[in-house]
């Protein structure tokens, strides 16, 4: 996600994975909204989230949404065998 004139705020989060889940399969590769866009990349041990937004309020809302979803995934321990 490249910085451009229409997006005033950018954020890149690098989060260490705690489980062997496929986060991008659960969360999707990215989302487009009217005021922001989000891309999710995943490596063996990290989740990389890139957010571009037209303003700081939209950036914060997108970041909170992604972080809340990741927190729920981690809390449910979906990767445990039953």
N, C-alpha and C. Protein backbone atom coordinates (compact mmCIF):
# COMPACT_ATOMS: atom_id res chain seq x y z
N UNK A 1 0.85 -1.16 0.00
CA UNK A 1 0.00 0.00 0.00
C UNK A 1 0.90 1.23 0.00
N UNK A 2 0.88 1.93 -1.07
CA UNK A 2 1.76 3.09 -1.22
C UNK A 2 1.06 4.37 -0.74
N UNK A 3 1.82 5.24 -0.07
CA UNK A 3 1.24 6.53 0.32
C UNK A 3 0.84 7.33 -0.91
N UNK A 4 -0.30 7.99 -0.86
CA UNK A 4 -0.73 8.84 -1.96
C UNK A 4 -1.48 10.04 -1.41
N UNK A 5 -1.86 10.94 -2.30
CA UNK A 5 -2.48 12.19 -1.88
C UNK A 5 -3.85 11.99 -1.24
N UNK A 6 -4.60 10.98 -1.68
CA UNK A 6 -5.96 10.81 -1.14
C UNK A 6 -5.97 10.20 0.27
N UNK A 7 -4.87 9.56 0.67
CA UNK A 7 -4.78 8.97 2.00
C UNK A 7 -3.80 9.75 2.85
N UNK A 8 -4.30 10.36 3.91
CA UNK A 8 -3.48 11.22 4.76
C UNK A 8 -2.78 10.46 5.88
N UNK A 9 -3.25 9.26 6.19
CA UNK A 9 -2.70 8.52 7.32
C UNK A 9 -2.41 7.08 6.90
N UNK A 10 -1.27 6.58 7.36
CA UNK A 10 -0.86 5.21 7.06
C UNK A 10 -0.33 4.56 8.33
N UNK A 11 -0.60 3.26 8.46
CA UNK A 11 -0.15 2.53 9.62
C UNK A 11 0.23 1.12 9.19
N UNK A 12 1.35 0.64 9.71
CA UNK A 12 1.77 -0.73 9.46
C UNK A 12 1.98 -1.39 10.82
N UNK A 13 1.23 -2.45 11.07
CA UNK A 13 1.33 -3.21 12.31
C UNK A 13 1.99 -4.54 12.01
N UNK A 14 2.98 -4.91 12.80
CA UNK A 14 3.60 -6.22 12.71
C UNK A 14 3.34 -6.92 14.03
N UNK A 15 2.61 -8.02 13.97
CA UNK A 15 2.18 -8.72 15.17
C UNK A 15 2.73 -10.14 15.14
N UNK A 16 3.33 -10.55 16.25
CA UNK A 16 3.84 -11.91 16.36
C UNK A 16 2.68 -12.87 16.54
N UNK A 17 2.65 -13.92 15.72
CA UNK A 17 1.59 -14.92 15.83
C UNK A 17 1.82 -15.78 17.06
N UNK A 18 0.73 -16.14 17.72
CA UNK A 18 0.79 -17.01 18.88
C UNK A 18 0.30 -18.41 18.58
N UNK A 19 -0.25 -18.61 17.43
CA UNK A 19 -0.78 -19.92 17.08
C UNK A 19 -0.47 -20.21 15.62
N UNK A 20 -0.79 -21.41 15.20
CA UNK A 20 -0.50 -21.82 13.83
C UNK A 20 -1.70 -21.64 12.92
N UNK A 21 -2.60 -20.78 13.29
CA UNK A 21 -3.78 -20.51 12.48
C UNK A 21 -3.43 -19.75 11.21
N UNK A 22 -4.25 -19.90 10.21
CA UNK A 22 -4.13 -19.11 8.99
C UNK A 22 -5.02 -17.88 9.17
N UNK A 23 -4.44 -16.81 9.67
CA UNK A 23 -5.19 -15.59 9.97
C UNK A 23 -5.79 -14.97 8.72
N UNK A 24 -5.04 -14.96 7.63
CA UNK A 24 -5.56 -14.33 6.42
C UNK A 24 -6.76 -15.08 5.87
N UNK A 25 -6.84 -16.37 6.11
CA UNK A 25 -8.01 -17.13 5.67
C UNK A 25 -9.23 -16.76 6.52
N UNK A 26 -9.02 -16.49 7.79
CA UNK A 26 -10.13 -16.13 8.68
C UNK A 26 -10.52 -14.67 8.49
N UNK A 27 -9.55 -13.78 8.44
CA UNK A 27 -9.81 -12.34 8.37
C UNK A 27 -9.95 -11.81 6.95
N UNK A 28 -9.45 -12.54 5.97
CA UNK A 28 -9.44 -12.05 4.60
C UNK A 28 -8.13 -11.36 4.29
N UNK A 29 -7.86 -11.14 3.03
CA UNK A 29 -6.61 -10.51 2.60
C UNK A 29 -6.64 -9.00 2.73
N UNK A 30 -7.82 -8.43 2.77
CA UNK A 30 -7.91 -6.98 2.89
C UNK A 30 -9.34 -6.51 2.70
N UNK A 31 -9.54 -5.24 3.00
CA UNK A 31 -10.88 -4.66 2.86
C UNK A 31 -10.78 -3.25 2.36
N UNK A 32 -11.76 -2.87 1.57
CA UNK A 32 -11.87 -1.50 1.07
C UNK A 32 -13.11 -0.85 1.68
N UNK A 33 -12.91 0.29 2.27
CA UNK A 33 -14.02 1.06 2.81
C UNK A 33 -14.00 2.44 2.16
N UNK A 34 -15.00 3.21 2.44
CA UNK A 34 -15.09 4.54 1.83
C UNK A 34 -13.92 5.43 2.25
N UNK A 35 -13.50 5.34 3.51
CA UNK A 35 -12.44 6.22 4.02
C UNK A 35 -11.13 5.51 4.33
N UNK A 36 -11.09 4.18 4.17
CA UNK A 36 -9.85 3.47 4.48
C UNK A 36 -9.77 2.16 3.70
N UNK A 37 -8.56 1.63 3.65
CA UNK A 37 -8.36 0.30 3.07
C UNK A 37 -7.34 -0.43 3.94
N UNK A 38 -7.51 -1.74 4.01
CA UNK A 38 -6.68 -2.57 4.86
C UNK A 38 -6.16 -3.75 4.06
N UNK A 39 -4.87 -4.05 4.22
CA UNK A 39 -4.27 -5.24 3.62
C UNK A 39 -3.67 -6.07 4.73
N UNK A 40 -3.85 -7.38 4.64
CA UNK A 40 -3.31 -8.29 5.64
C UNK A 40 -2.38 -9.27 4.93
N UNK A 41 -1.16 -9.36 5.43
CA UNK A 41 -0.19 -10.32 4.92
C UNK A 41 0.22 -11.20 6.08
N UNK A 42 0.62 -12.41 5.75
CA UNK A 42 0.96 -13.35 6.80
C UNK A 42 2.22 -14.12 6.42
N UNK A 43 3.10 -14.24 7.38
CA UNK A 43 4.29 -15.08 7.20
C UNK A 43 4.20 -16.20 8.22
N UNK A 44 5.24 -16.96 8.33
CA UNK A 44 5.26 -18.11 9.24
C UNK A 44 5.01 -17.72 10.69
N UNK A 45 5.58 -16.59 11.11
CA UNK A 45 5.48 -16.21 12.52
C UNK A 45 4.95 -14.80 12.77
N UNK A 46 4.49 -14.12 11.71
CA UNK A 46 4.02 -12.74 11.87
C UNK A 46 2.78 -12.47 11.03
N UNK A 47 2.02 -11.50 11.51
CA UNK A 47 0.91 -10.95 10.76
C UNK A 47 1.27 -9.51 10.48
N UNK A 48 1.17 -9.09 9.24
CA UNK A 48 1.48 -7.71 8.87
C UNK A 48 0.20 -7.07 8.36
N UNK A 49 -0.21 -6.00 9.01
CA UNK A 49 -1.43 -5.28 8.64
C UNK A 49 -1.01 -3.90 8.17
N UNK A 50 -1.46 -3.53 6.97
CA UNK A 50 -1.19 -2.20 6.44
C UNK A 50 -2.53 -1.49 6.24
N UNK A 51 -2.62 -0.30 6.80
CA UNK A 51 -3.86 0.47 6.74
C UNK A 51 -3.55 1.84 6.13
N UNK A 52 -4.35 2.24 5.17
CA UNK A 52 -4.28 3.59 4.60
C UNK A 52 -5.66 4.23 4.80
N UNK A 53 -5.68 5.47 5.27
CA UNK A 53 -6.95 6.13 5.56
C UNK A 53 -6.92 7.59 5.17
N UNK A 54 -8.09 8.13 4.92
CA UNK A 54 -8.20 9.54 4.54
C UNK A 54 -8.01 10.47 5.74
N UNK A 55 -8.26 9.95 6.95
CA UNK A 55 -8.11 10.77 8.14
C UNK A 55 -7.78 9.87 9.33
N UNK A 56 -7.38 10.49 10.43
CA UNK A 56 -6.96 9.72 11.61
C UNK A 56 -8.10 8.95 12.27
N UNK A 57 -9.31 9.47 12.21
CA UNK A 57 -10.44 8.75 12.80
C UNK A 57 -10.69 7.43 12.06
N UNK A 58 -10.61 7.47 10.75
CA UNK A 58 -10.79 6.25 9.95
C UNK A 58 -9.64 5.27 10.18
N UNK A 59 -8.43 5.79 10.34
CA UNK A 59 -7.26 4.95 10.62
C UNK A 59 -7.44 4.24 11.96
N UNK A 60 -7.86 4.97 12.96
CA UNK A 60 -8.07 4.39 14.28
C UNK A 60 -9.18 3.34 14.27
N UNK A 61 -10.26 3.62 13.58
CA UNK A 61 -11.37 2.67 13.51
C UNK A 61 -10.93 1.37 12.83
N UNK A 62 -10.18 1.46 11.75
CA UNK A 62 -9.70 0.26 11.06
C UNK A 62 -8.73 -0.52 11.92
N UNK A 63 -7.81 0.17 12.58
CA UNK A 63 -6.83 -0.50 13.44
C UNK A 63 -7.54 -1.20 14.59
N UNK A 64 -8.49 -0.53 15.22
CA UNK A 64 -9.23 -1.14 16.33
C UNK A 64 -9.98 -2.38 15.87
N UNK A 65 -10.58 -2.32 14.71
CA UNK A 65 -11.34 -3.46 14.18
C UNK A 65 -10.44 -4.67 13.96
N UNK A 66 -9.30 -4.46 13.30
CA UNK A 66 -8.37 -5.56 13.03
C UNK A 66 -7.83 -6.12 14.35
N UNK A 67 -7.40 -5.26 15.24
CA UNK A 67 -6.84 -5.73 16.51
C UNK A 67 -7.87 -6.49 17.35
N UNK A 68 -9.11 -6.03 17.33
CA UNK A 68 -10.17 -6.71 18.06
C UNK A 68 -10.40 -8.11 17.47
N UNK A 69 -10.42 -8.22 16.16
CA UNK A 69 -10.61 -9.51 15.51
C UNK A 69 -9.47 -10.47 15.83
N UNK A 70 -8.25 -9.98 15.80
CA UNK A 70 -7.09 -10.82 16.12
C UNK A 70 -7.16 -11.26 17.59
N UNK A 71 -7.55 -10.36 18.46
CA UNK A 71 -7.68 -10.69 19.88
C UNK A 71 -8.72 -11.79 20.09
N UNK A 72 -9.83 -11.73 19.39
CA UNK A 72 -10.87 -12.76 19.50
C UNK A 72 -10.35 -14.10 19.00
N UNK A 73 -9.65 -14.09 17.89
CA UNK A 73 -9.09 -15.33 17.35
C UNK A 73 -8.13 -15.96 18.34
N UNK A 74 -7.25 -15.15 18.89
CA UNK A 74 -6.27 -15.66 19.87
C UNK A 74 -6.98 -16.18 21.13
N UNK A 75 -8.01 -15.50 21.57
CA UNK A 75 -8.70 -15.88 22.81
C UNK A 75 -9.48 -17.18 22.66
N UNK A 76 -9.97 -17.46 21.46
CA UNK A 76 -10.79 -18.67 21.27
C UNK A 76 -9.95 -19.91 21.08
N UNK A 77 -8.66 -19.74 20.82
CA UNK A 77 -7.74 -20.88 20.63
C UNK A 77 -8.31 -21.88 19.63
N UNK A 78 -8.64 -21.37 18.47
CA UNK A 78 -9.25 -22.20 17.43
C UNK A 78 -8.34 -23.30 16.92
N UNK A 79 -7.07 -23.21 17.23
CA UNK A 79 -6.13 -24.20 16.70
C UNK A 79 -5.97 -25.42 17.61
N UNK A 80 -6.68 -25.49 18.72
CA UNK A 80 -6.55 -26.66 19.60
C UNK A 80 -7.37 -27.81 19.05
N UNK A 81 -6.84 -29.01 19.16
CA UNK A 81 -7.55 -30.20 18.67
C UNK A 81 -8.54 -30.65 19.71
N UNK A 82 -9.69 -31.10 19.25
CA UNK A 82 -10.75 -31.54 20.15
C UNK A 82 -10.83 -33.03 20.18
